[in-house]
Protein backbone atom coordinates (compact mmCIF):
# COMPACT_ATOMS: atom_id res chain seq x y z
CA ASN A 1 -15.11 25.02 -8.49
CA PRO A 2 -13.21 27.85 -6.72
CA LYS A 3 -16.08 28.38 -4.25
CA LEU A 4 -15.44 24.92 -2.78
CA ILE A 5 -11.79 25.63 -1.98
CA ASP A 6 -11.22 26.23 1.72
CA ILE A 7 -8.10 28.43 1.81
CA LYS A 8 -7.70 28.17 5.61
CA LEU A 9 -7.92 24.37 5.48
CA GLU A 10 -5.35 24.26 2.67
CA LYS A 11 -2.97 26.45 4.70
CA ARG A 12 -3.38 24.18 7.74
CA MET A 13 -2.74 21.12 5.56
CA GLU A 14 0.43 22.75 4.18
CA LEU A 15 1.58 23.41 7.73
CA THR A 16 0.78 19.81 8.73
CA LYS A 17 2.83 18.61 5.75
CA GLU A 18 5.77 20.87 6.71
CA ILE A 19 5.72 19.66 10.33
CA THR A 20 5.60 16.03 9.16
CA GLU A 21 8.54 16.59 6.79
CA VAL A 22 10.64 18.24 9.52
CA VAL A 23 9.93 15.47 12.05
CA ASN A 24 10.68 12.76 9.50
CA SER A 25 13.89 14.46 8.35
CA LEU A 26 15.02 14.67 12.01
CA ARG A 27 14.25 10.94 12.33
CA LYS A 28 16.32 10.18 9.25
CA GLU A 29 19.28 12.35 10.34
CA ASN A 30 19.33 10.56 13.71
CA ASN A 31 18.78 6.99 12.46
CA LEU A 32 15.33 6.77 14.06
CA ARG A 33 13.57 4.63 11.47
CA LEU A 34 10.01 5.66 10.66
CA LYS A 35 8.67 2.21 11.50
CA TRP A 36 9.92 2.62 15.09
CA PRO A 37 7.38 4.48 17.21
CA LEU A 38 8.80 7.40 19.18
CA GLU A 39 7.62 8.82 22.47
CA LYS A 40 6.75 12.35 21.25
CA PHE A 41 7.62 15.56 19.50
CA ILE A 42 7.09 19.15 20.61
CA VAL A 43 6.22 22.13 18.43
CA GLU A 44 7.68 25.34 19.88
CA THR A 45 5.94 28.35 18.36
CA LYS A 46 4.37 31.68 19.23
CA ASP A 47 1.92 31.34 16.33
CA GLU A 48 -1.60 30.55 17.60
CA ASN A 49 -2.58 29.25 14.16
CA VAL A 50 0.17 26.60 14.38
CA LYS A 51 -1.02 25.54 17.85
CA LYS A 52 -4.59 25.26 16.52
CA THR A 53 -3.39 23.25 13.51
CA VAL A 54 -1.44 20.81 15.71
CA LYS A 55 -4.56 20.27 17.82
CA GLU A 56 -6.86 19.94 14.80
CA PHE A 57 -4.57 17.58 12.86
CA TYR A 58 -3.24 15.73 15.92
CA ASN A 59 -4.21 12.24 14.68
CA VAL A 60 -2.90 12.89 11.17
CA LEU A 61 0.43 14.11 12.58
CA LYS A 62 0.65 11.15 14.98
CA PHE A 63 0.04 8.71 12.15
CA MET A 64 2.35 10.38 9.61
CA THR A 65 5.26 10.71 12.07
CA ASN A 66 4.68 7.53 14.11
CA VAL A 67 4.85 9.18 17.54
CA GLN A 68 2.75 8.45 20.61
CA LYS A 69 2.29 12.07 21.72
CA ILE A 70 2.50 15.59 20.30
CA GLU A 71 2.74 18.73 22.39
CA THR A 72 3.02 22.46 21.82
CA GLY A 73 5.22 24.30 24.27
CA TYR A 74 8.92 24.47 24.95
CA GLY A 75 11.44 21.99 23.63
CA GLU A 76 13.36 19.63 25.86
CA GLU A 77 17.13 19.46 26.13
CA ASN A 78 17.73 15.81 25.23
CA PHE A 79 15.56 16.04 22.09
CA VAL A 80 16.88 16.64 18.55
CA SER A 81 15.55 19.81 16.97
CA LYS A 82 15.15 21.74 13.74
CA GLU A 83 13.72 25.10 12.74
CA PHE A 84 10.63 25.33 10.54
CA SER A 85 8.81 28.32 9.04
CA LYS A 86 6.82 29.07 12.22
CA GLY A 87 9.17 27.99 15.03
CA LYS A 88 11.13 24.93 16.07
CA ILE A 89 10.36 21.22 16.35
CA PHE A 90 11.87 18.98 19.03
CA VAL A 91 11.78 15.20 18.55
CA SER A 92 12.35 12.66 21.32
CA LYS A 93 14.93 9.97 20.51
CA ASN A 94 13.13 7.61 22.89
CA ILE A 95 11.99 4.62 20.82
CA LEU A 96 9.00 2.74 22.24
CA LYS A 97 10.95 -0.52 22.12
CA ASP A 98 8.18 -3.05 22.82
CA GLU A 99 5.98 -1.57 20.13
CA ALA A 100 8.90 -1.32 17.71
CA LEU A 101 9.72 -5.00 18.35
CA MET A 102 6.07 -5.88 17.72
CA ARG A 103 6.16 -4.01 14.38
CA GLU A 104 9.33 -5.90 13.40
CA LEU A 105 7.56 -9.13 14.35
CA LEU A 106 4.52 -8.25 12.18
CA ARG A 107 6.83 -7.59 9.23
CA GLU A 108 8.71 -10.88 9.71
CA VAL A 109 5.54 -12.96 10.12
CA GLN A 110 4.02 -11.37 6.99
CA GLU A 111 7.22 -12.12 5.08
CA SER A 112 7.11 -15.72 6.30
CA ARG A 113 3.45 -16.06 5.29
CA LYS A 114 4.35 -14.76 1.84
CA LYS A 115 7.27 -17.22 1.48
CA ARG A 116 4.87 -20.05 2.31
CA LYS A 117 2.43 -18.74 -0.33
CA LEU A 118 -0.39 -18.12 2.16
CA ILE A 119 -3.21 -15.84 1.08
CA VAL A 120 -4.92 -13.19 3.22
CA LYS A 121 -7.87 -15.38 4.21
CA ASP A 122 -5.59 -18.24 5.38
CA LYS A 123 -5.74 -18.31 9.18
CA ILE A 124 -2.84 -19.45 11.35
CA ILE A 125 -1.97 -20.41 14.90
CA LEU A 126 1.06 -18.30 15.82
CA PHE A 127 3.63 -19.50 18.35
CA LEU A 128 5.77 -16.83 20.05
CA ASP A 129 8.53 -17.20 22.63
CA ASN A 130 8.47 -13.71 24.18
CA GLU A 131 5.84 -12.77 26.79
CA ILE A 132 6.41 -9.03 26.10
CA MET A 133 4.17 -9.49 23.05
CA LYS A 134 1.15 -10.49 25.20
CA LYS A 135 -0.03 -6.87 25.46
CA PHE A 136 -0.21 -6.70 21.66
CA VAL A 137 -2.18 -9.92 21.06
CA PRO A 138 -5.30 -8.30 19.50
CA GLU A 139 -3.23 -6.22 17.07
CA ILE A 140 -0.89 -9.10 16.15
CA LYS A 141 -3.86 -11.43 15.53
CA GLU A 142 -5.54 -8.90 13.27
CA LYS A 143 -2.43 -7.93 11.29
CA VAL A 144 -1.04 -11.43 10.61
CA GLY A 145 -4.29 -13.38 10.25
CA ALA A 146 -3.84 -15.43 13.43
CA ARG A 147 -6.87 -17.05 14.98
CA GLU A 148 -4.83 -17.90 18.07
CA ILE A 149 -1.46 -16.98 19.60
CA LYS A 150 0.35 -19.39 21.90
CA PHE A 151 3.28 -18.34 24.06
CA CYS A 152 5.81 -21.14 24.47
CA GLN A 153 9.36 -22.17 23.67
CA VAL A 154 9.77 -22.03 19.89
CA ASN A 155 12.06 -24.63 18.33
CA GLU A 156 12.74 -24.74 14.58
CA GLU A 157 11.45 -21.20 14.24
CA PHE A 158 10.37 -19.76 10.89
CA GLY A 159 11.99 -16.48 11.81
CA SER A 160 12.53 -13.88 14.49
CA ALA A 161 12.29 -10.16 15.11
CA LYS A 162 15.08 -8.30 16.87
CA LEU A 163 15.48 -4.85 18.36
CA ASP A 164 18.59 -4.17 20.41
CA GLU A 165 18.82 -7.09 22.88
CA ALA A 166 15.17 -8.15 22.62
CA THR A 167 14.19 -11.01 20.31
CA VAL A 168 10.93 -12.78 19.49
CA LYS A 169 11.13 -16.13 17.71
CA PHE A 170 8.05 -17.42 15.93
CA LYS A 171 6.55 -20.20 13.91
CA PHE A 172 3.00 -20.91 12.86
CA THR A 173 0.70 -23.62 11.59
CA LEU A 174 -1.99 -23.19 8.99
CA ILE A 175 -5.56 -23.84 10.16
CA LYS A 176 -7.16 -26.13 7.64
């Protein structure tokens, strides 16, 4: 039904898609993997409609580009940048390392669960050897099906997650 089509909304969604594509292409060109959260990106534009769209679709843009913060304003010197139809986008190369390490850990633990043929409802006790992960306990528990997380020395680990010099070794036991 043509009456139900919101032309303005569609235009804002197109713009959101374009911004997302530009940010993600800048990530790719600069080896900033999408799974690594970045500090922020800035949309430099004179177009008020773009500024409104960034504000309105802030959470969508954050999720689709995996950044912590989005601003409209002037770009910063140490950021990578690219033109888009309504201005220029500047992306920080600052990876949020602790969070990126946590994401790597989630991926590795899930892979290890899969190798051991665990199903989603199987609960585990997860042992980690890196205290940096303490601030992510609720998220880790939820994402890997852990009822409990213990921080201790991990011998005979099932696997590990690495990012630059930081490493987290892990193992787990199945709760019967």
